[in-house]
Full PDB file with SEQRES, HELIX, SHEET, SSBOND, CRYST1, ORIGX, SCALE, CONECT and MASTER records, all heavy atoms in Angstrom:
SEQRES   1 A   31  CYS PRO TRP ASP ARG GLU GLN THR PHE GLU SER LEU ARG          
SEQRES   2 A   31  ASN ASN THR ILE GLU GLU THR PHE GLU LEU THR ASP ALA          
SEQRES   3 A   31  ILE THR ASP GLY ASP                                          
HELIX    1 AA1 PRO A    2  GLU A    6  1                                   5    
HELIX    2 AA2 PHE A    9  ASP A   29  1                                  21    
CRYST1    1.000    1.000    1.000  90.00  90.00  90.00 P 1           1          
ORIGX1      1.000000  0.000000  0.000000        0.00000                         
ORIGX2      0.000000  1.000000  0.000000        0.00000                         
ORIGX3      0.000000  0.000000  1.000000        0.00000                         
SCALE1      1.000000  0.000000  0.000000        0.00000                         
SCALE2      0.000000  1.000000  0.000000        0.00000                         
SCALE3      0.000000  0.000000  1.000000        0.00000                         
ATOM      1  N   CYS A   1     -84.736  17.326  -2.239  1.00  0.00           N  
ATOM      2  CA  CYS A   1     -85.628  17.944  -1.243  1.00  0.00           C  
ATOM      3  C   CYS A   1     -84.855  18.252   0.041  1.00  0.00           C  
ATOM      4  O   CYS A   1     -84.278  17.341   0.652  1.00  0.00           O  
ATOM      5  CB  CYS A   1     -86.797  17.018  -0.932  1.00  0.00           C  
ATOM      6  SG  CYS A   1     -87.861  17.629   0.406  1.00  0.00           S  
ATOM      7  N   PRO A   2     -84.835  19.512   0.463  1.00  0.00           N  
ATOM      8  CA  PRO A   2     -84.082  19.875   1.689  1.00  0.00           C  
ATOM      9  C   PRO A   2     -84.533  19.097   2.920  1.00  0.00           C  
ATOM     10  O   PRO A   2     -83.699  18.687   3.737  1.00  0.00           O  
ATOM     11  CB  PRO A   2     -84.370  21.378   1.840  1.00  0.00           C  
ATOM     12  CG  PRO A   2     -84.711  21.835   0.468  1.00  0.00           C  
ATOM     13  CD  PRO A   2     -85.423  20.687  -0.187  1.00  0.00           C  
ATOM     14  N   TRP A   3     -85.852  18.890   3.062  1.00  0.00           N  
ATOM     15  CA  TRP A   3     -86.345  18.179   4.252  1.00  0.00           C  
ATOM     16  C   TRP A   3     -85.918  16.721   4.221  1.00  0.00           C  
ATOM     17  O   TRP A   3     -85.383  16.191   5.205  1.00  0.00           O  
ATOM     18  CB  TRP A   3     -87.869  18.269   4.341  1.00  0.00           C  
ATOM     19  CG  TRP A   3     -88.412  17.671   5.617  1.00  0.00           C  
ATOM     20  CD1 TRP A   3     -88.593  18.301   6.814  1.00  0.00           C  
ATOM     21  CD2 TRP A   3     -88.816  16.301   5.817  1.00  0.00           C  
ATOM     22  NE1 TRP A   3     -89.091  17.412   7.758  1.00  0.00           N  
ATOM     23  CE2 TRP A   3     -89.232  16.178   7.160  1.00  0.00           C  
ATOM     24  CE3 TRP A   3     -88.865  15.180   4.994  1.00  0.00           C  
ATOM     25  CZ2 TRP A   3     -89.701  14.993   7.695  1.00  0.00           C  
ATOM     26  CZ3 TRP A   3     -89.323  13.979   5.522  1.00  0.00           C  
ATOM     27  CH2 TRP A   3     -89.737  13.890   6.860  1.00  0.00           C  
ATOM     28  N   ASP A   4     -86.172  16.049   3.101  1.00  0.00           N  
ATOM     29  CA  ASP A   4     -85.815  14.633   2.992  1.00  0.00           C  
ATOM     30  C   ASP A   4     -84.312  14.438   3.132  1.00  0.00           C  
ATOM     31  O   ASP A   4     -83.861  13.437   3.700  1.00  0.00           O  
ATOM     32  CB  ASP A   4     -86.285  14.081   1.647  1.00  0.00           C  
ATOM     33  CG  ASP A   4     -87.794  13.947   1.569  1.00  0.00           C  
ATOM     34  OD1 ASP A   4     -88.334  12.970   2.104  1.00  0.00           O  
ATOM     35  OD2 ASP A   4     -88.442  14.834   0.980  1.00  0.00           O  
ATOM     36  N   ARG A   5     -83.557  15.386   2.620  1.00  0.00           N  
ATOM     37  CA  ARG A   5     -82.096  15.281   2.667  1.00  0.00           C  
ATOM     38  C   ARG A   5     -81.568  15.340   4.093  1.00  0.00           C  
ATOM     39  O   ARG A   5     -80.548  14.728   4.413  1.00  0.00           O  
ATOM     40  CB  ARG A   5     -81.489  16.400   1.820  1.00  0.00           C  
ATOM     41  CG  ARG A   5     -80.021  16.205   1.510  1.00  0.00           C  
ATOM     42  CD  ARG A   5     -79.550  17.140   0.394  1.00  0.00           C  
ATOM     43  NE  ARG A   5     -79.845  18.548   0.683  1.00  0.00           N  
ATOM     44  CZ  ARG A   5     -80.566  19.337  -0.124  1.00  0.00           C  
ATOM     45  NH1 ARG A   5     -81.083  18.864  -1.243  1.00  0.00           N  
ATOM     46  NH2 ARG A   5     -80.772  20.607   0.187  1.00  0.00           N  
ATOM     47  N   GLU A   6     -82.275  16.052   4.981  1.00  0.00           N  
ATOM     48  CA  GLU A   6     -81.801  16.252   6.351  1.00  0.00           C  
ATOM     49  C   GLU A   6     -82.195  15.127   7.310  1.00  0.00           C  
ATOM     50  O   GLU A   6     -81.710  15.074   8.443  1.00  0.00           O  
ATOM     51  CB  GLU A   6     -82.344  17.571   6.902  1.00  0.00           C  
ATOM     52  CG  GLU A   6     -81.762  18.806   6.238  1.00  0.00           C  
ATOM     53  CD  GLU A   6     -82.361  20.086   6.786  1.00  0.00           C  
ATOM     54  OE1 GLU A   6     -83.263  19.987   7.659  1.00  0.00           O  
ATOM     55  OE2 GLU A   6     -81.949  21.172   6.340  1.00  0.00           O  
ATOM     56  N   GLN A   7     -83.087  14.243   6.864  1.00  0.00           N  
ATOM     57  CA  GLN A   7     -83.588  13.235   7.799  1.00  0.00           C  
ATOM     58  C   GLN A   7     -82.535  12.195   8.162  1.00  0.00           C  
ATOM     59  O   GLN A   7     -81.629  11.893   7.385  1.00  0.00           O  
ATOM     60  CB  GLN A   7     -84.826  12.543   7.220  1.00  0.00           C  
ATOM     61  CG  GLN A   7     -85.991  13.479   6.961  1.00  0.00           C  
ATOM     62  CD  GLN A   7     -86.253  14.409   8.131  1.00  0.00           C  
ATOM     63  OE1 GLN A   7     -86.509  13.947   9.241  1.00  0.00           O  
ATOM     64  NE2 GLN A   7     -86.175  15.703   7.884  1.00  0.00           N  
ATOM     65  N   THR A   8     -82.676  11.666   9.396  1.00  0.00           N  
ATOM     66  CA  THR A   8     -81.800  10.615   9.910  1.00  0.00           C  
ATOM     67  C   THR A   8     -82.668   9.513  10.498  1.00  0.00           C  
ATOM     68  O   THR A   8     -83.888   9.659  10.611  1.00  0.00           O  
ATOM     69  CB  THR A   8     -80.874  11.155  11.010  1.00  0.00           C  
ATOM     70  OG1 THR A   8     -81.693  11.551  12.143  1.00  0.00           O  
ATOM     71  CG2 THR A   8     -80.065  12.352  10.519  1.00  0.00           C  
ATOM     72  N   PHE A   9     -82.040   8.423  10.891  1.00  0.00           N  
ATOM     73  CA  PHE A   9     -82.789   7.347  11.554  1.00  0.00           C  
ATOM     74  C   PHE A   9     -83.507   7.890  12.787  1.00  0.00           C  
ATOM     75  O   PHE A   9     -84.672   7.577  13.035  1.00  0.00           O  
ATOM     76  CB  PHE A   9     -81.839   6.217  11.968  1.00  0.00           C  
ATOM     77  CG  PHE A   9     -81.428   5.323  10.840  1.00  0.00           C  
ATOM     78  CD1 PHE A   9     -80.334   5.634  10.047  1.00  0.00           C  
ATOM     79  CD2 PHE A   9     -82.134   4.168  10.569  1.00  0.00           C  
ATOM     80  CE1 PHE A   9     -79.954   4.813   9.000  1.00  0.00           C  
ATOM     81  CE2 PHE A   9     -81.762   3.332   9.518  1.00  0.00           C  
ATOM     82  CZ  PHE A   9     -80.666   3.656   8.732  1.00  0.00           C  
ATOM     83  N   GLU A  10     -82.815   8.718  13.543  1.00  0.00           N  
ATOM     84  CA  GLU A  10     -83.379   9.234  14.791  1.00  0.00           C  
ATOM     85  C   GLU A  10     -84.526  10.206  14.527  1.00  0.00           C  
ATOM     86  O   GLU A  10     -85.546  10.187  15.243  1.00  0.00           O  
ATOM     87  CB  GLU A  10     -82.291   9.935  15.612  1.00  0.00           C  
ATOM     88  CG  GLU A  10     -81.229   9.007  16.178  1.00  0.00           C  
ATOM     89  CD  GLU A  10     -80.249   8.520  15.117  1.00  0.00           C  
ATOM     90  OE1 GLU A  10     -80.157   9.163  14.042  1.00  0.00           O  
ATOM     91  OE2 GLU A  10     -79.591   7.489  15.352  1.00  0.00           O  
ATOM     92  N   SER A  11     -84.397  11.044  13.509  1.00  0.00           N  
ATOM     93  CA  SER A  11     -85.434  12.048  13.261  1.00  0.00           C  
ATOM     94  C   SER A  11     -86.726  11.421  12.742  1.00  0.00           C  
ATOM     95  O   SER A  11     -87.813  11.969  12.944  1.00  0.00           O  
ATOM     96  CB  SER A  11     -84.935  13.092  12.249  1.00  0.00           C  
ATOM     97  OG  SER A  11     -84.788  12.538  10.964  1.00  0.00           O  
ATOM     98  N   LEU A  12     -86.623  10.265  12.094  1.00  0.00           N  
ATOM     99  CA  LEU A  12     -87.810   9.610  11.545  1.00  0.00           C  
ATOM    100  C   LEU A  12     -88.499   8.675  12.527  1.00  0.00           C  
ATOM    101  O   LEU A  12     -89.629   8.265  12.305  1.00  0.00           O  
ATOM    102  CB  LEU A  12     -87.433   8.806  10.291  1.00  0.00           C  
ATOM    103  CG  LEU A  12     -87.181   9.589   9.007  1.00  0.00           C  
ATOM    104  CD1 LEU A  12     -86.777   8.637   7.892  1.00  0.00           C  
ATOM    105  CD2 LEU A  12     -88.416  10.378   8.597  1.00  0.00           C  
ATOM    106  N   ARG A  13     -87.804   8.347  13.617  1.00  0.00           N  
ATOM    107  CA  ARG A  13     -88.300   7.304  14.532  1.00  0.00           C  
ATOM    108  C   ARG A  13     -89.719   7.575  15.020  1.00  0.00           C  
ATOM    109  O   ARG A  13     -90.607   6.709  14.924  1.00  0.00           O  
ATOM    110  CB  ARG A  13     -87.352   7.184  15.721  1.00  0.00           C  
ATOM    111  CG  ARG A  13     -87.807   6.200  16.785  1.00  0.00           C  
ATOM    112  CD  ARG A  13     -86.829   6.165  17.949  1.00  0.00           C  
ATOM    113  NE  ARG A  13     -87.302   5.299  19.003  1.00  0.00           N  
ATOM    114  CZ  ARG A  13     -88.155   5.662  19.954  1.00  0.00           C  
ATOM    115  NH1 ARG A  13     -88.638   6.903  19.962  1.00  0.00           N  
ATOM    116  NH2 ARG A  13     -88.548   4.821  20.891  1.00  0.00           N  
ATOM    117  N   ASN A  14     -89.967   8.766  15.566  1.00  0.00           N  
ATOM    118  CA  ASN A  14     -91.285   9.059  16.115  1.00  0.00           C  
ATOM    119  C   ASN A  14     -92.361   9.085  15.030  1.00  0.00           C  
ATOM    120  O   ASN A  14     -93.510   8.680  15.264  1.00  0.00           O  
ATOM    121  CB  ASN A  14     -91.268  10.391  16.871  1.00  0.00           C  
ATOM    122  CG  ASN A  14     -90.519  10.304  18.188  1.00  0.00           C  
ATOM    123  OD1 ASN A  14     -90.366   9.220  18.748  1.00  0.00           O  
ATOM    124  ND2 ASN A  14     -90.045  11.429  18.674  1.00  0.00           N  
ATOM    125  N   ASN A  15     -91.985   9.570  13.836  1.00  0.00           N  
ATOM    126  CA  ASN A  15     -92.935   9.556  12.733  1.00  0.00           C  
ATOM    127  C   ASN A  15     -93.322   8.128  12.354  1.00  0.00           C  
ATOM    128  O   ASN A  15     -94.474   7.854  12.015  1.00  0.00           O  
ATOM    129  CB  ASN A  15     -92.336  10.262  11.504  1.00  0.00           C  
ATOM    130  CG  ASN A  15     -92.253  11.765  11.676  1.00  0.00           C  
ATOM    131  OD1 ASN A  15     -92.904  12.332  12.544  1.00  0.00           O  
ATOM    132  ND2 ASN A  15     -91.448  12.415  10.855  1.00  0.00           N  
ATOM    133  N   THR A  16     -92.340   7.223  12.411  1.00  0.00           N  
ATOM    134  CA  THR A  16     -92.619   5.821  12.090  1.00  0.00           C  
ATOM    135  C   THR A  16     -93.613   5.230  13.088  1.00  0.00           C  
ATOM    136  O   THR A  16     -94.540   4.503  12.708  1.00  0.00           O  
ATOM    137  CB  THR A  16     -91.320   4.998  12.102  1.00  0.00           C  
ATOM    138  OG1 THR A  16     -90.360   5.597  11.229  1.00  0.00           O  
ATOM    139  CG2 THR A  16     -91.575   3.575  11.652  1.00  0.00           C  
ATOM    140  N   ILE A  17     -93.412   5.542  14.361  1.00  0.00           N  
ATOM    141  CA  ILE A  17     -94.336   5.051  15.388  1.00  0.00           C  
ATOM    142  C   ILE A  17     -95.739   5.587  15.125  1.00  0.00           C  
ATOM    143  O   ILE A  17     -96.729   4.853  15.203  1.00  0.00           O  
ATOM    144  CB  ILE A  17     -93.838   5.472  16.786  1.00  0.00           C  
ATOM    145  CG1 ILE A  17     -92.524   4.763  17.122  1.00  0.00           C  
ATOM    146  CG2 ILE A  17     -94.897   5.175  17.855  1.00  0.00           C  
ATOM    147  CD1 ILE A  17     -91.846   5.274  18.375  1.00  0.00           C  
ATOM    148  N   GLU A  18     -95.835   6.869  14.798  1.00  0.00           N  
ATOM    149  CA  GLU A  18     -97.131   7.494  14.525  1.00  0.00           C  
ATOM    150  C   GLU A  18     -97.809   6.833  13.322  1.00  0.00           C  
ATOM    151  O   GLU A  18     -99.014   6.550  13.360  1.00  0.00           O  
ATOM    152  CB  GLU A  18     -96.940   8.985  14.265  1.00  0.00           C  
ATOM    153  CG  GLU A  18     -98.244   9.734  14.021  1.00  0.00           C  
ATOM    154  CD  GLU A  18     -98.026  11.219  13.811  1.00  0.00           C  
ATOM    155  OE1 GLU A  18     -96.971  11.737  14.228  1.00  0.00           O  
ATOM    156  OE2 GLU A  18     -98.905  11.865  13.228  1.00  0.00           O  
ATOM    157  N   GLU A  19     -97.042   6.585  12.263  1.00  0.00           N  
ATOM    158  CA  GLU A  19     -97.615   5.958  11.072  1.00  0.00           C  
ATOM    159  C   GLU A  19     -98.130   4.551  11.391  1.00  0.00           C  
ATOM    160  O   GLU A  19     -99.160   4.119  10.863  1.00  0.00           O  
ATOM    161  CB  GLU A  19     -96.572   5.885   9.949  1.00  0.00           C  
ATOM    162  CG  GLU A  19     -96.098   7.217   9.409  1.00  0.00           C  
ATOM    163  CD  GLU A  19     -97.201   8.025   8.745  1.00  0.00           C  
ATOM    164  OE1 GLU A  19     -98.313   7.489   8.544  1.00  0.00           O  
ATOM    165  OE2 GLU A  19     -96.953   9.203   8.415  1.00  0.00           O  
ATOM    166  N   THR A  20     -97.416   3.843  12.260  1.00  0.00           N  
ATOM    167  CA  THR A  20     -97.839   2.495  12.638  1.00  0.00           C  
ATOM    168  C   THR A  20     -99.184   2.539  13.356  1.00  0.00           C  
ATOM    169  O   THR A  20    -100.082   1.725  13.073  1.00  0.00           O  
ATOM    170  CB  THR A  20     -96.781   1.836  13.541  1.00  0.00           C  
ATOM    171  OG1 THR A  20     -95.525   1.804  12.864  1.00  0.00           O  
ATOM    172  CG2 THR A  20     -97.185   0.414  13.899  1.00  0.00           C  
ATOM    173  N   PHE A  21     -99.349   3.494  14.255  1.00  0.00           N  
ATOM    174  CA  PHE A  21    -100.615   3.604  14.962  1.00  0.00           C  
ATOM    175  C   PHE A  21    -101.738   4.063  14.040  1.00  0.00           C  
ATOM    176  O   PHE A  21    -102.901   3.658  14.199  1.00  0.00           O  
ATOM    177  CB  PHE A  21    -100.486   4.543  16.162  1.00  0.00           C  
ATOM    178  CG  PHE A  21     -99.857   3.892  17.358  1.00  0.00           C  
ATOM    179  CD1 PHE A  21     -98.580   4.237  17.774  1.00  0.00           C  
ATOM    180  CD2 PHE A  21    -100.537   2.921  18.066  1.00  0.00           C  
ATOM    181  CE1 PHE A  21     -97.990   3.623  18.867  1.00  0.00           C  
ATOM    182  CE2 PHE A  21     -99.973   2.303  19.171  1.00  0.00           C  
ATOM    183  CZ  PHE A  21     -98.698   2.653  19.572  1.00  0.00           C  
ATOM    184  N   GLU A  22    -101.423   4.900  13.054  1.00  0.00           N  
ATOM    185  CA  GLU A  22    -102.442   5.319  12.093  1.00  0.00           C  
ATOM    186  C   GLU A  22    -102.900   4.120  11.268  1.00  0.00           C  
ATOM    187  O   GLU A  22    -104.084   4.007  10.925  1.00  0.00           O  
ATOM    188  CB  GLU A  22    -101.892   6.433  11.199  1.00  0.00           C  
ATOM    189  CG  GLU A  22    -101.738   7.761  11.938  1.00  0.00           C  
ATOM    190  CD  GLU A  22    -101.181   8.869  11.064  1.00  0.00           C  
ATOM    191  OE1 GLU A  22    -100.884   8.600   9.881  1.00  0.00           O  
ATOM    192  OE2 GLU A  22    -101.040  10.003  11.563  1.00  0.00           O  
ATOM    193  N   LEU A  23    -101.979   3.219  10.958  1.00  0.00           N  
ATOM    194  CA  LEU A  23    -102.352   1.999  10.245  1.00  0.00           C  
ATOM    195  C   LEU A  23    -103.263   1.128  11.103  1.00  0.00           C  
ATOM    196  O   LEU A  23    -104.279   0.610  10.623  1.00  0.00           O  
ATOM    197  CB  LEU A  23    -101.099   1.220   9.834  1.00  0.00           C  
ATOM    198  CG  LEU A  23    -101.333  -0.179   9.252  1.00  0.00           C  
ATOM    199  CD1 LEU A  23    -102.185  -0.104   7.987  1.00  0.00           C  
ATOM    200  CD2 LEU A  23    -100.001  -0.871   8.970  1.00  0.00           C  
ATOM    201  N   THR A  24    -102.915   0.980  12.376  1.00  0.00           N  
ATOM    202  CA  THR A  24    -103.754   0.150  13.249  1.00  0.00           C  
ATOM    203  C   THR A  24    -105.146   0.759  13.414  1.00  0.00           C  
ATOM    204  O   THR A  24    -106.133   0.021  13.509  1.00  0.00           O  
ATOM    205  CB  THR A  24    -103.103  -0.043  14.632  1.00  0.00           C  
ATOM    206  OG1 THR A  24    -102.940   1.224  15.281  1.00  0.00           O  
ATOM    207  CG2 THR A  24    -101.745  -0.709  14.513  1.00  0.00           C  
ATOM    208  N   ASP A  25    -105.247   2.084  13.422  1.00  0.00           N  
ATOM    209  CA  ASP A  25    -106.561   2.726  13.488  1.00  0.00           C  
ATOM    210  C   ASP A  25    -107.389   2.369  12.264  1.00  0.00           C  
ATOM    211  O   ASP A  25    -108.581   2.051  12.366  1.00  0.00           O  
ATOM    212  CB  ASP A  25    -106.413   4.255  13.571  1.00  0.00           C  
ATOM    213  CG  ASP A  25    -106.002   4.740  14.952  1.00  0.00           C  
ATOM    214  OD1 ASP A  25    -106.087   3.944  15.904  1.00  0.00           O  
ATOM    215  OD2 ASP A  25    -105.599   5.914  15.067  1.00  0.00           O  
ATOM    216  N   ALA A  26    -106.771   2.429  11.091  1.00  0.00           N  
ATOM    217  CA  ALA A  26    -107.485   2.108   9.856  1.00  0.00           C  
ATOM    218  C   ALA A  26    -107.921   0.643   9.834  1.00  0.00           C  
ATOM    219  O   ALA A  26    -109.031   0.319   9.390  1.00  0.00           O  
ATOM    220  CB  ALA A  26    -106.601   2.408   8.640  1.00  0.00           C  
ATOM    221  N   ILE A  27    -107.069  -0.243  10.333  1.00  0.00           N  
ATOM    222  CA  ILE A  27    -107.409  -1.665  10.405  1.00  0.00           C  
ATOM    223  C   ILE A  27    -108.578  -1.873  11.359  1.00  0.00           C  
ATOM    224  O   ILE A  27    -109.536  -2.595  11.053  1.00  0.00           O  
ATOM    225  CB  ILE A  27    -106.187  -2.496  10.840  1.00  0.00           C  
ATOM    226  CG1 ILE A  27    -105.119  -2.482   9.745  1.00  0.00           C  
ATOM    227  CG2 ILE A  27    -106.589  -3.937  11.156  1.00  0.00           C  
ATOM    228  CD1 ILE A  27    -103.801  -3.099  10.152  1.00  0.00           C  
ATOM    229  N   THR A  28    -108.515  -1.229  12.522  1.00  0.00           N  
ATOM    230  CA  THR A  28    -109.589  -1.360  13.510  1.00  0.00           C  
ATOM    231  C   THR A  28    -110.911  -0.871  12.944  1.00  0.00           C  
ATOM    232  O   THR A  28    -111.975  -1.451  13.205  1.00  0.00           O  
ATOM    233  CB  THR A  28    -109.241  -0.559  14.785  1.00  0.00           C  
ATOM    234  OG1 THR A  28    -108.012  -1.059  15.329  1.00  0.00           O  
ATOM    235  CG2 THR A  28    -110.334  -0.702  15.830  1.00  0.00           C  
ATOM    236  N   ASP A  29    -110.860   0.200  12.135  1.00  0.00           N  
ATOM    237  CA  ASP A  29    -112.080   0.767  11.550  1.00  0.00           C  
ATOM    238  C   ASP A  29    -112.546   0.008  10.310  1.00  0.00           C  
ATOM    239  O   ASP A  29    -113.619   0.307   9.775  1.00  0.00           O  
ATOM    240  CB  ASP A  29    -111.855   2.239  11.175  1.00  0.00           C  
ATOM    241  CG  ASP A  29    -111.632   3.120  12.389  1.00  0.00           C  
ATOM    242  OD1 ASP A  29    -112.041   2.716  13.493  1.00  0.00           O  
ATOM    243  OD2 ASP A  29    -111.048   4.218  12.242  1.00  0.00           O  
ATOM    244  N   GLY A  30    -111.761  -0.944   9.846  1.00  0.00           N  
ATOM    245  CA  GLY A  30    -112.119  -1.665   8.634  1.00  0.00           C  
ATOM    246  C   GLY A  30    -112.110  -0.770   7.405  1.00  0.00           C  
ATOM    247  O   GLY A  30    -112.838  -1.012   6.440  1.00  0.00           O  
ATOM    248  N   ASP A  31    -111.293   0.269   7.418  1.00  0.00           N  
ATOM    249  CA  ASP A  31    -111.220   1.264   6.348  1.00  0.00           C  
ATOM    250  C   ASP A  31    -110.155   0.832   5.337  1.00  0.00           C  
ATOM    251  O   ASP A  31    -108.974   1.125   5.496  1.00  0.00           O  
ATOM    252  CB  ASP A  31    -110.877   2.630   6.952  1.00  0.00           C  
ATOM    253  CG  ASP A  31    -110.767   3.731   5.918  1.00  0.00           C  
ATOM    254  OD1 ASP A  31    -110.960   3.453   4.717  1.00  0.00           O  
ATOM    255  OD2 ASP A  31    -110.474   4.884   6.308  1.00  0.00           O  
TER     256      ASP A  31                                                      
MASTER        0    0    0    2    0    0    0    6  255    1    0    3          
END                                                                             
């Protein structure tokens, strides 16, 4: 995959933060 192949630690950092907050939203909602 061209996109996955180009990723680095730095390029994924903000996405990781976003995913963490999406998880906390789901936990807060009991979903």
